[in-house]
Amino acid sequence: MLSELQKEERRRKLSVCVDLLIGKKMNQRQISELTGFPSSTVGNLLRDEKLIREVYNKKDADFIIEEINIYQQNNKHDGLVTGGLNSQNLHGYEKDEDGKFNGSKKH
């Protein structure tokens, strides 16, 4: 159970993170480096919808949550693309005679 002081500190950190994410279009790593908050804390704060709804009014909270969801979807997509490219570079890939992907092999 968090004390009132700890709850207030979480609200303050959330406000800072949201301002930087939405206002300055910073990513989680940039927010962490600028604020000194651990990256995991930034991620936990941005995923805490209950806290967001406590701090902001309904209209703002809905907008913030939607923006965070879009940010997270884009990050996931970028990570999958990067992971696929790394795997392709490490293992190579094979195509059949029609040029379609046929599998991968380790070098």
PDB file of N, CA and C in Angstrom:
ATOM      1  N   MET A   1       0.839  -1.181   0.000  1.00  0.00           N
ATOM      2  CA  MET A   1       0.000   0.000   0.000  1.00  0.00           C
ATOM      3  C   MET A   1       0.883   1.243   0.000  1.00  0.00           C
ATOM      4  N   LEU A   2       0.607   2.132  -0.898  1.00  0.00           N
ATOM      5  CA  LEU A   2       1.404   3.344  -1.010  1.00  0.00           C
ATOM      6  C   LEU A   2       0.895   4.421  -0.059  1.00  0.00           C
ATOM      7  N   SER A   3       1.816   5.195   0.485  1.00  0.00           N
ATOM      8  CA  SER A   3       1.426   6.326   1.324  1.00  0.00           C
ATOM      9  C   SER A   3       0.928   7.452   0.422  1.00  0.00           C
ATOM     10  N   GLU A   4       0.314   8.440   1.015  1.00  0.00           N
ATOM     11  CA  GLU A   4      -0.177   9.582   0.241  1.00  0.00           C
ATOM     12  C   GLU A   4       0.974  10.309  -0.457  1.00  0.00           C
ATOM     13  N   LEU A   5       2.113  10.390   0.210  1.00  0.00           N
ATOM     14  CA  LEU A   5       3.282  11.039  -0.384  1.00  0.00           C
ATOM     15  C   LEU A   5       3.755  10.271  -1.623  1.00  0.00           C
ATOM     16  N   GLN A   6       3.773   8.932  -1.533  1.00  0.00           N
ATOM     17  CA  GLN A   6       4.175   8.113  -2.677  1.00  0.00           C
ATOM     18  C   GLN A   6       3.167   8.218  -3.818  1.00  0.00           C
ATOM     19  N   LYS A   7       1.885   8.261  -3.491  1.00  0.00           N
ATOM     20  CA  LYS A   7       0.849   8.412  -4.519  1.00  0.00           C
ATOM     21  C   LYS A   7       1.010   9.748  -5.235  1.00  0.00           C
ATOM     22  N   GLU A   8       1.261  10.803  -4.469  1.00  0.00           N
ATOM     23  CA  GLU A   8       1.439  12.134  -5.071  1.00  0.00           C
ATOM     24  C   GLU A   8       2.671  12.157  -5.970  1.00  0.00           C
ATOM     25  N   GLU A   9       3.735  11.481  -5.551  1.00  0.00           N
ATOM     26  CA  GLU A   9       4.951  11.403  -6.357  1.00  0.00           C
ATOM     27  C   GLU A   9       4.684  10.663  -7.671  1.00  0.00           C
ATOM     28  N   ARG A  10       3.903   9.582  -7.626  1.00  0.00           N
ATOM     29  CA  ARG A  10       3.542   8.852  -8.853  1.00  0.00           C
ATOM     30  C   ARG A  10       2.723   9.734  -9.790  1.00  0.00           C
ATOM     31  N   ARG A  11       1.799  10.506  -9.228  1.00  0.00           N
ATOM     32  CA  ARG A  11       0.986  11.423 -10.055  1.00  0.00           C
ATOM     33  C   ARG A  11       1.873  12.469 -10.728  1.00  0.00           C
ATOM     34  N   ARG A  12       2.832  12.993  -9.974  1.00  0.00           N
ATOM     35  CA  ARG A  12       3.747  13.996 -10.531  1.00  0.00           C
ATOM     36  C   ARG A  12       4.585  13.389 -11.657  1.00  0.00           C
ATOM     37  N   LYS A  13       5.120  12.200 -11.424  1.00  0.00           N
ATOM     38  CA  LYS A  13       5.926  11.540 -12.451  1.00  0.00           C
ATOM     39  C   LYS A  13       5.094  11.238 -13.691  1.00  0.00           C
ATOM     40  N   LEU A  14       3.849  10.803 -13.482  1.00  0.00           N
ATOM     41  CA  LEU A  14       2.974  10.527 -14.622  1.00  0.00           C
ATOM     42  C   LEU A  14       2.760  11.792 -15.447  1.00  0.00           C
ATOM     43  N   SER A  15       2.491  12.908 -14.788  1.00  0.00           N
ATOM     44  CA  SER A  15       2.267  14.164 -15.501  1.00  0.00           C
ATOM     45  C   SER A  15       3.475  14.548 -16.342  1.00  0.00           C
ATOM     46  N   VAL A  16       4.660  14.389 -15.769  1.00  0.00           N
ATOM     47  CA  VAL A  16       5.891  14.709 -16.501  1.00  0.00           C
ATOM     48  C   VAL A  16       6.026  13.795 -17.715  1.00  0.00           C
ATOM     49  N   CYS A  17       5.812  12.501 -17.519  1.00  0.00           N
ATOM     50  CA  CYS A  17       5.964  11.533 -18.615  1.00  0.00           C
ATOM     51  C   CYS A  17       4.958  11.786 -19.735  1.00  0.00           C
ATOM     52  N   VAL A  18       3.708  12.055 -19.365  1.00  0.00           N
ATOM     53  CA  VAL A  18       2.672  12.310 -20.364  1.00  0.00           C
ATOM     54  C   VAL A  18       2.986  13.582 -21.142  1.00  0.00           C
ATOM     55  N   ASP A  19       3.424  14.628 -20.444  1.00  0.00           N
ATOM     56  CA  ASP A  19       3.773  15.882 -21.123  1.00  0.00           C
ATOM     57  C   ASP A  19       4.881  15.660 -22.153  1.00  0.00           C
ATOM     58  N   LEU A  20       5.876  14.882 -21.791  1.00  0.00           N
ATOM     59  CA  LEU A  20       6.989  14.641 -22.710  1.00  0.00           C
ATOM     60  C   LEU A  20       6.588  13.706 -23.848  1.00  0.00           C
ATOM     61  N   LEU A  21       5.779  12.692 -23.555  1.00  0.00           N
ATOM     62  CA  LEU A  21       5.367  11.746 -24.589  1.00  0.00           C
ATOM     63  C   LEU A  21       4.460  12.402 -25.618  1.00  0.00           C
ATOM     64  N   ILE A  22       3.461  13.114 -25.144  1.00  0.00           N
ATOM     65  CA  ILE A  22       2.472  13.698 -26.058  1.00  0.00           C
ATOM     66  C   ILE A  22       2.899  15.078 -26.527  1.00  0.00           C
ATOM     67  N   GLY A  23       3.386  15.900 -25.621  1.00  0.00           N
ATOM     68  CA  GLY A  23       3.746  17.266 -25.984  1.00  0.00           C
ATOM     69  C   GLY A  23       5.003  17.364 -26.828  1.00  0.00           C
ATOM     70  N   LYS A  24       6.031  16.629 -26.451  1.00  0.00           N
ATOM     71  CA  LYS A  24       7.319  16.725 -27.147  1.00  0.00           C
ATOM     72  C   LYS A  24       7.602  15.516 -28.030  1.00  0.00           C
ATOM     73  N   LYS A  25       6.659  14.557 -28.079  1.00  0.00           N
ATOM     74  CA  LYS A  25       6.796  13.352 -28.920  1.00  0.00           C
ATOM     75  C   LYS A  25       8.079  12.581 -28.627  1.00  0.00           C
ATOM     76  N   MET A  26       8.438  12.489 -27.356  1.00  0.00           N
ATOM     77  CA  MET A  26       9.619  11.735 -26.948  1.00  0.00           C
ATOM     78  C   MET A  26       9.244  10.268 -26.765  1.00  0.00           C
ATOM     79  N   ASN A  27      10.216   9.381 -26.935  1.00  0.00           N
ATOM     80  CA  ASN A  27       9.951   7.971 -26.670  1.00  0.00           C
ATOM     81  C   ASN A  27      10.328   7.643 -25.224  1.00  0.00           C
ATOM     82  N   GLN A  28      10.072   6.404 -24.836  1.00  0.00           N
ATOM     83  CA  GLN A  28      10.275   6.002 -23.447  1.00  0.00           C
ATOM     84  C   GLN A  28      11.725   6.164 -23.019  1.00  0.00           C
ATOM     85  N   ARG A  29      12.656   5.803 -23.869  1.00  0.00           N
ATOM     86  CA  ARG A  29      14.077   5.914 -23.525  1.00  0.00           C
ATOM     87  C   ARG A  29      14.473   7.380 -23.345  1.00  0.00           C
ATOM     88  N   GLN A  30      14.007   8.255 -24.241  1.00  0.00           N
ATOM     89  CA  GLN A  30      14.331   9.681 -24.127  1.00  0.00           C
ATOM     90  C   GLN A  30      13.757  10.277 -22.853  1.00  0.00           C
ATOM     91  N   ILE A  31      12.526   9.883 -22.517  1.00  0.00           N
ATOM     92  CA  ILE A  31      11.906  10.376 -21.282  1.00  0.00           C
ATOM     93  C   ILE A  31      12.734   9.934 -20.079  1.00  0.00           C
ATOM     94  N   SER A  32      13.159   8.684 -20.091  1.00  0.00           N
ATOM     95  CA  SER A  32      13.958   8.156 -18.987  1.00  0.00           C
ATOM     96  C   SER A  32      15.270   8.910 -18.837  1.00  0.00           C
ATOM     97  N   GLU A  33      15.948   9.151 -19.953  1.00  0.00           N
ATOM     98  CA  GLU A  33      17.227   9.861 -19.903  1.00  0.00           C
ATOM     99  C   GLU A  33      17.059  11.296 -19.429  1.00  0.00           C
ATOM    100  N   LEU A  34      16.007  11.965 -19.883  1.00  0.00           N
ATOM    101  CA  LEU A  34      15.793  13.369 -19.526  1.00  0.00           C
ATOM    102  C   LEU A  34      15.376  13.534 -18.059  1.00  0.00           C
ATOM    103  N   THR A  35      14.488  12.664 -17.593  1.00  0.00           N
ATOM    104  CA  THR A  35      13.946  12.827 -16.244  1.00  0.00           C
ATOM    105  C   THR A  35      14.763  12.121 -15.171  1.00  0.00           C
ATOM    106  N   GLY A  36      15.512  11.104 -15.572  1.00  0.00           N
ATOM    107  CA  GLY A  36      16.237  10.304 -14.588  1.00  0.00           C
ATOM    108  C   GLY A  36      15.386   9.194 -13.995  1.00  0.00           C
ATOM    109  N   PHE A  37      14.131   9.070 -14.448  1.00  0.00           N
ATOM    110  CA  PHE A  37      13.284   7.966 -13.993  1.00  0.00           C
ATOM    111  C   PHE A  37      13.753   6.698 -14.712  1.00  0.00           C
ATOM    112  N   PRO A  38      13.755   5.565 -14.029  1.00  0.00           N
ATOM    113  CA  PRO A  38      14.087   4.319 -14.726  1.00  0.00           C
ATOM    114  C   PRO A  38      13.104   4.075 -15.878  1.00  0.00           C
ATOM    115  N   SER A  39      13.586   3.483 -16.938  1.00  0.00           N
ATOM    116  CA  SER A  39      12.747   3.222 -18.109  1.00  0.00           C
ATOM    117  C   SER A  39      11.545   2.356 -17.749  1.00  0.00           C
ATOM    118  N   SER A  40      11.740   1.405 -16.850  1.00  0.00           N
ATOM    119  CA  SER A  40      10.626   0.543 -16.436  1.00  0.00           C
ATOM    120  C   SER A  40       9.553   1.351 -15.706  1.00  0.00           C
ATOM    121  N   THR A  41       9.965   2.336 -14.932  1.00  0.00           N
ATOM    122  CA  THR A  41       9.008   3.190 -14.224  1.00  0.00           C
ATOM    123  C   THR A  41       8.192   4.000 -15.218  1.00  0.00           C
ATOM    124  N   VAL A  42       8.865   4.540 -16.230  1.00  0.00           N
ATOM    125  CA  VAL A  42       8.164   5.305 -17.265  1.00  0.00           C
ATOM    126  C   VAL A  42       7.126   4.410 -17.933  1.00  0.00           C
ATOM    127  N   GLY A  43       7.526   3.195 -18.312  1.00  0.00           N
ATOM    128  CA  GLY A  43       6.597   2.269 -18.951  1.00  0.00           C
ATOM    129  C   GLY A  43       5.437   1.901 -18.046  1.00  0.00           C
ATOM    130  N   ASN A  44       5.726   1.639 -16.781  1.00  0.00           N
ATOM    131  CA  ASN A  44       4.663   1.284 -15.831  1.00  0.00           C
ATOM    132  C   ASN A  44       3.676   2.437 -15.650  1.00  0.00           C
ATOM    133  N   LEU A  45       4.177   3.652 -15.562  1.00  0.00           N
ATOM    134  CA  LEU A  45       3.301   4.810 -15.401  1.00  0.00           C
ATOM    135  C   LEU A  45       2.411   4.999 -16.622  1.00  0.00           C
ATOM    136  N   LEU A  46       2.984   4.837 -17.805  1.00  0.00           N
ATOM    137  CA  LEU A  46       2.214   5.053 -19.025  1.00  0.00           C
ATOM    138  C   LEU A  46       1.187   3.943 -19.270  1.00  0.00           C
ATOM    139  N   ARG A  47       1.366   2.785 -18.645  1.00  0.00           N
ATOM    140  CA  ARG A  47       0.397   1.690 -18.796  1.00  0.00           C
ATOM    141  C   ARG A  47      -0.668   1.692 -17.699  1.00  0.00           C
ATOM    142  N   ASP A  48      -0.541   2.557 -16.716  1.00  0.00           N
ATOM    143  CA  ASP A  48      -1.457   2.567 -15.573  1.00  0.00           C
ATOM    144  C   ASP A  48      -2.686   3.436 -15.875  1.00  0.00           C
ATOM    145  N   GLU A  49      -3.690   2.831 -16.520  1.00  0.00           N
ATOM    146  CA  GLU A  49      -4.882   3.588 -16.917  1.00  0.00           C
ATOM    147  C   GLU A  49      -5.642   4.125 -15.706  1.00  0.00           C
ATOM    148  N   LYS A  50      -5.652   3.362 -14.622  1.00  0.00           N
ATOM    149  CA  LYS A  50      -6.356   3.809 -13.416  1.00  0.00           C
ATOM    150  C   LYS A  50      -5.743   5.113 -12.893  1.00  0.00           C
ATOM    151  N   LEU A  51      -4.428   5.179 -12.866  1.00  0.00           N
ATOM    152  CA  LEU A  51      -3.744   6.388 -12.399  1.00  0.00           C
ATOM    153  C   LEU A  51      -4.001   7.554 -13.359  1.00  0.00           C
ATOM    154  N   ILE A  52      -3.977   7.278 -14.651  1.00  0.00           N
ATOM    155  CA  ILE A  52      -4.238   8.333 -15.648  1.00  0.00           C
ATOM    156  C   ILE A  52      -5.630   8.913 -15.437  1.00  0.00           C
ATOM    157  N   ARG A  53      -6.599   8.046 -15.182  1.00  0.00           N
ATOM    158  CA  ARG A  53      -7.972   8.523 -14.969  1.00  0.00           C
ATOM    159  C   ARG A  53      -8.119   9.275 -13.641  1.00  0.00           C
ATOM    160  N   GLU A  54      -7.262   8.987 -12.666  1.00  0.00           N
ATOM    161  CA  GLU A  54      -7.278   9.738 -11.404  1.00  0.00           C
ATOM    162  C   GLU A  54      -6.737  11.151 -11.598  1.00  0.00           C
ATOM    163  N   VAL A  55      -5.691  11.262 -12.411  1.00  0.00           N
ATOM    164  CA  VAL A  55      -4.975  12.528 -12.543  1.00  0.00           C
ATOM    165  C   VAL A  55      -5.676  13.480 -13.514  1.00  0.00           C
ATOM    166  N   TYR A  56      -6.232  12.940 -14.591  1.00  0.00           N
ATOM    167  CA  TYR A  56      -6.815  13.777 -15.650  1.00  0.00           C
ATOM    168  C   TYR A  56      -8.328  13.610 -15.698  1.00  0.00           C
ATOM    169  N   ASN A  57      -9.009  14.626 -16.265  1.00  0.00           N
ATOM    170  CA  ASN A  57     -10.457  14.495 -16.433  1.00  0.00           C
ATOM    171  C   ASN A  57     -10.748  13.469 -17.532  1.00  0.00           C
ATOM    172  N   LYS A  58     -11.998  13.061 -17.656  1.00  0.00           N
ATOM    173  CA  LYS A  58     -12.364  11.957 -18.541  1.00  0.00           C
ATOM    174  C   LYS A  58     -11.934  12.197 -19.984  1.00  0.00           C
ATOM    175  N   LYS A  59     -12.211  13.376 -20.503  1.00  0.00           N
ATOM    176  CA  LYS A  59     -11.892  13.682 -21.898  1.00  0.00           C
ATOM    177  C   LYS A  59     -10.384  13.611 -22.131  1.00  0.00           C
ATOM    178  N   ASP A  60      -9.619  14.245 -21.264  1.00  0.00           N
ATOM    179  CA  ASP A  60      -8.155  14.226 -21.399  1.00  0.00           C
ATOM    180  C   ASP A  60      -7.596  12.821 -21.195  1.00  0.00           C
ATOM    181  N   ALA A  61      -8.129  12.096 -20.212  1.00  0.00           N
ATOM    182  CA  ALA A  61      -7.652  10.741 -19.935  1.00  0.00           C
ATOM    183  C   ALA A  61      -7.882   9.832 -21.134  1.00  0.00           C
ATOM    184  N   ASP A  62      -9.060   9.927 -21.753  1.00  0.00           N
ATOM    185  CA  ASP A  62      -9.346   9.111 -22.938  1.00  0.00           C
ATOM    186  C   ASP A  62      -8.367   9.432 -24.061  1.00  0.00           C
ATOM    187  N   PHE A  63      -8.097  10.714 -24.279  1.00  0.00           N
ATOM    188  CA  PHE A  63      -7.155  11.125 -25.316  1.00  0.00           C
ATOM    189  C   PHE A  63      -5.751  10.608 -25.014  1.00  0.00           C
ATOM    190  N   ILE A  64      -5.319  10.765 -23.776  1.00  0.00           N
ATOM    191  CA  ILE A  64      -3.970  10.332 -23.370  1.00  0.00           C
ATOM    192  C   ILE A  64      -3.822   8.819 -23.531  1.00  0.00           C
ATOM    193  N   ILE A  65      -4.814   8.082 -23.083  1.00  0.00           N
ATOM    194  CA  ILE A  65      -4.757   6.618 -23.190  1.00  0.00           C
ATOM    195  C   ILE A  65      -4.703   6.199 -24.653  1.00  0.00           C
ATOM    196  N   GLU A  66      -5.477   6.847 -25.504  1.00  0.00           N
ATOM    197  CA  GLU A  66      -5.450   6.533 -26.938  1.00  0.00           C
ATOM    198  C   GLU A  66      -4.076   6.833 -27.539  1.00  0.00           C
ATOM    199  N   GLU A  67      -3.502   7.971 -27.182  1.00  0.00           N
ATOM    200  CA  GLU A  67      -2.168   8.318 -27.691  1.00  0.00           C
ATOM    201  C   GLU A  67      -1.111   7.322 -27.216  1.00  0.00           C
ATOM    202  N   ILE A  68      -1.196   6.905 -25.965  1.00  0.00           N
ATOM    203  CA  ILE A  68      -0.242   5.928 -25.430  1.00  0.00           C
ATOM    204  C   ILE A  68      -0.409   4.594 -26.159  1.00  0.00           C
ATOM    205  N   ASN A  69      -1.650   4.188 -26.418  1.00  0.00           N
ATOM    206  CA  ASN A  69      -1.885   2.938 -27.148  1.00  0.00           C
ATOM    207  C   ASN A  69      -1.299   2.994 -28.550  1.00  0.00           C
ATOM    208  N   ILE A  70      -1.456   4.123 -29.228  1.00  0.00           N
ATOM    209  CA  ILE A  70      -0.876   4.285 -30.571  1.00  0.00           C
ATOM    210  C   ILE A  70       0.645   4.219 -30.489  1.00  0.00           C
ATOM    211  N   TYR A  71       1.217   4.899 -29.508  1.00  0.00           N
ATOM    212  CA  TYR A  71       2.671   4.883 -29.314  1.00  0.00           C
ATOM    213  C   TYR A  71       3.164   3.455 -29.096  1.00  0.00           C
ATOM    214  N   GLN A  72       2.457   2.694 -28.253  1.00  0.00           N
ATOM    215  CA  GLN A  72       2.875   1.329 -27.956  1.00  0.00           C
ATOM    216  C   GLN A  72       2.721   0.417 -29.171  1.00  0.00           C
ATOM    217  N   GLN A  73       1.670   0.602 -29.954  1.00  0.00           N
ATOM    218  CA  GLN A  73       1.488  -0.188 -31.170  1.00  0.00           C
ATOM    219  C   GLN A  73       2.607   0.085 -32.168  1.00  0.00           C
ATOM    220  N   ASN A  74       2.957   1.354 -32.321  1.00  0.00           N
ATOM    221  CA  ASN A  74       4.044   1.711 -33.236  1.00  0.00           C
ATOM    222  C   ASN A  74       5.370   1.122 -32.768  1.00  0.00           C
ATOM    223  N   ASN A  75       5.623   1.171 -31.457  1.00  0.00           N
ATOM    224  CA  ASN A  75       6.851   0.597 -30.917  1.00  0.00           C
ATOM    225  C   ASN A  75       6.904  -0.904 -31.144  1.00  0.00           C
ATOM    226  N   LYS A  76       5.771  -1.580 -30.946  1.00  0.00           N
ATOM    227  CA  LYS A  76       5.731  -3.021 -31.146  1.00  0.00           C
ATOM    228  C   LYS A  76       6.020  -3.345 -32.609  1.00  0.00           C
ATOM    229  N   HIS A  77       5.398  -2.613 -33.516  1.00  0.00           N
ATOM    230  CA  HIS A  77       5.617  -2.843 -34.951  1.00  0.00           C
ATOM    231  C   HIS A  77       7.075  -2.613 -35.313  1.00  0.00           C
ATOM    232  N   ASP A  78       7.642  -1.514 -34.831  1.00  0.00           N
ATOM    233  CA  ASP A  78       9.053  -1.214 -35.118  1.00  0.00           C
ATOM    234  C   ASP A  78       9.963  -2.305 -34.568  1.00  0.00           C
ATOM    235  N   GLY A  79       9.653  -2.810 -33.383  1.00  0.00           N
ATOM    236  CA  GLY A  79      10.448  -3.877 -32.789  1.00  0.00           C
ATOM    237  C   GLY A  79      10.359  -5.171 -33.581  1.00  0.00           C
ATOM    238  N   LEU A  80       9.168  -5.485 -34.061  1.00  0.00           N
ATOM    239  CA  LEU A  80       9.008  -6.699 -34.867  1.00  0.00           C
ATOM    240  C   LEU A  80       9.774  -6.582 -36.183  1.00  0.00           C
ATOM    241  N   VAL A  81       9.717  -5.411 -36.804  1.00  0.00           N
ATOM    242  CA  VAL A  81      10.452  -5.204 -38.054  1.00  0.00           C
ATOM    243  C   VAL A  81      11.949  -5.332 -37.813  1.00  0.00           C
ATOM    244  N   THR A  82      12.431  -4.671 -36.774  1.00  0.00           N
ATOM    245  CA  THR A  82      13.860  -4.737 -36.454  1.00  0.00           C
ATOM    246  C   THR A  82      14.279  -6.167 -36.138  1.00  0.00           C
ATOM    247  N   GLY A  83      13.463  -6.873 -35.363  1.00  0.00           N
ATOM    248  CA  GLY A  83      13.766  -8.261 -35.033  1.00  0.00           C
ATOM    249  C   GLY A  83      13.811  -9.135 -36.273  1.00  0.00           C
ATOM    250  N   GLY A  84      12.890  -8.923 -37.184  1.00  0.00           N
ATOM    251  CA  GLY A  84      12.873  -9.690 -38.427  1.00  0.00           C
ATOM    252  C   GLY A  84      14.085  -9.402 -39.285  1.00  0.00           C
ATOM    253  N   LEU A  85      14.465  -8.138 -39.364  1.00  0.00           N
ATOM    254  CA  LEU A  85      15.646  -7.770 -40.155  1.00  0.00           C
ATOM    255  C   LEU A  85      16.909  -8.357 -39.545  1.00  0.00           C
ATOM    256  N   ASN A  86      17.011  -8.303 -38.209  1.00  0.00           N
ATOM    257  CA  ASN A  86      18.181  -8.884 -37.548  1.00  0.00           C
ATOM    258  C   ASN A  86      18.248 -10.384 -37.790  1.00  0.00           C
ATOM    259  N   SER A  87      17.113 -11.048 -37.679  1.00  0.00           N
ATOM    260  CA  SER A  87      17.068 -12.493 -37.906  1.00  0.00           C
ATOM    261  C   SER A  87      17.460 -12.816 -39.340  1.00  0.00           C
ATOM    262  N   GLN A  88      16.951 -12.033 -40.258  1.00  0.00           N
ATOM    263  CA  GLN A  88      17.273 -12.234 -41.678  1.00  0.00           C
ATOM    264  C   GLN A  88      18.767 -12.044 -41.923  1.00  0.00           C
ATOM    265  N   ASN A  89      19.339 -11.030 -41.308  1.00  0.00           N
ATOM    266  CA  ASN A  89      20.767 -10.772 -41.484  1.00  0.00           C
ATOM    267  C   ASN A  89      21.621 -11.864 -40.856  1.00  0.00           C
ATOM    268  N   LEU A  90      21.168 -12.407 -39.724  1.00  0.00           N
ATOM    269  CA  LEU A  90      21.926 -13.451 -39.045  1.00  0.00           C
ATOM    270  C   LEU A  90      21.803 -14.810 -39.737  1.00  0.00           C
ATOM    271  N   HIS A  91      20.606 -15.134 -40.193  1.00  0.00           N
ATOM    272  CA  HIS A  91      20.336 -16.481 -40.668  1.00  0.00           C
ATOM    273  C   HIS A  91      20.148 -16.589 -42.176  1.00  0.00           C
ATOM    274  N   GLY A  92      19.937 -15.497 -42.844  1.00  0.00           N
ATOM    275  CA  GLY A  92      19.653 -15.558 -44.267  1.00  0.00           C
ATOM    276  C   GLY A  92      18.268 -16.126 -44.497  1.00  0.00           C
ATOM    277  N   TYR A  93      17.836 -16.160 -45.725  1.00  0.00           N
ATOM    278  CA  TYR A  93      16.551 -16.741 -46.050  1.00  0.00           C
ATOM    279  C   TYR A  93      16.621 -17.325 -47.447  1.00  0.00           C
ATOM    280  N   GLU A  94      15.754 -18.265 -47.689  1.00  0.00           N
ATOM    281  CA  GLU A  94      15.730 -18.944 -48.972  1.00  0.00           C
ATOM    282  C   GLU A  94      14.433 -18.619 -49.693  1.00  0.00           C
ATOM    283  N   LYS A  95      14.504 -18.553 -51.008  1.00  0.00           N
ATOM    284  CA  LYS A  95      13.310 -18.358 -51.828  1.00  0.00           C
ATOM    285  C   LYS A  95      13.194 -19.527 -52.789  1.00  0.00           C
ATOM    286  N   ASP A  96      11.945 -19.864 -53.123  1.00  0.00           N
ATOM    287  CA  ASP A  96      11.759 -20.918 -54.111  1.00  0.00           C
ATOM    288  C   ASP A  96      11.889 -20.333 -55.510  1.00  0.00           C
ATOM    289  N   GLU A  97      11.638 -21.151 -56.514  1.00  0.00           N
ATOM    290  CA  GLU A  97      11.834 -20.684 -57.901  1.00  0.00           C
ATOM    291  C   GLU A  97      10.878 -19.563 -58.284  1.00  0.00           C
ATOM    292  N   ASP A  98       9.751 -19.403 -57.558  1.00  0.00           N
ATOM    293  CA  ASP A  98       8.812 -18.321 -57.843  1.00  0.00           C
ATOM    294  C   ASP A  98       9.171 -17.035 -57.090  1.00  0.00           C
ATOM    295  N   GLY A  99      10.221 -17.097 -56.273  1.00  0.00           N
ATOM    296  CA  GLY A  99      10.641 -15.919 -55.516  1.00  0.00           C
ATOM    297  C   GLY A  99       9.924 -15.757 -54.193  1.00  0.00           C
ATOM    298  N   LYS A 100       9.176 -16.775 -53.759  1.00  0.00           N
ATOM    299  CA  LYS A 100       8.455 -16.703 -52.493  1.00  0.00           C
ATOM    300  C   LYS A 100       9.340 -17.237 -51.362  1.00  0.00           C
ATOM    301  N   PHE A 101       9.130 -16.713 -50.185  1.00  0.00           N
ATOM    302  CA  PHE A 101       9.896 -17.121 -49.001  1.00  0.00           C
ATOM    303  C   PHE A 101       9.717 -18.620 -48.773  1.00  0.00           C
ATOM    304  N   ASN A 102      10.807 -19.318 -48.567  1.00  0.00           N
ATOM    305  CA  ASN A 102      10.779 -20.761 -48.422  1.00  0.00           C
ATOM    306  C   ASN A 102      11.340 -21.233 -47.076  1.00  0.00           C
ATOM    307  N   GLY A 103      11.903 -20.349 -46.288  1.00  0.00           N
ATOM    308  CA  GLY A 103      12.466 -20.713 -45.003  1.00  0.00           C
ATOM    309  C   GLY A 103      13.785 -19.997 -44.776  1.00  0.00           C
ATOM    310  N   SER A 104      14.408 -20.299 -43.676  1.00  0.00           N
ATOM    311  CA  SER A 104      15.668 -19.672 -43.364  1.00  0.00           C
ATOM    312  C   SER A 104      16.673 -20.746 -43.000  1.00  0.00           C
ATOM    313  N   LYS A 105      17.930 -20.383 -43.044  1.00  0.00           N
ATOM    314  CA  LYS A 105      18.982 -21.325 -42.679  1.00  0.00           C
ATOM    315  C   LYS A 105      20.061 -20.559 -41.930  1.00  0.00           C
ATOM    316  N   LYS A 106      20.715 -21.227 -41.027  1.00  0.00           N
ATOM    317  CA  LYS A 106      21.813 -20.594 -40.318  1.00  0.00           C
ATOM    318  C   LYS A 106      23.057 -20.645 -41.197  1.00  0.00           C
ATOM    319  N   HIS A 107      23.844 -19.594 -41.156  1.00  0.00           N
ATOM    320  CA  HIS A 107      25.080 -19.537 -41.945  1.00  0.00           C
ATOM    321  C   HIS A 107      26.154 -20.371 -41.305  1.00  0.00           C
TER     322      HIS A 107
END
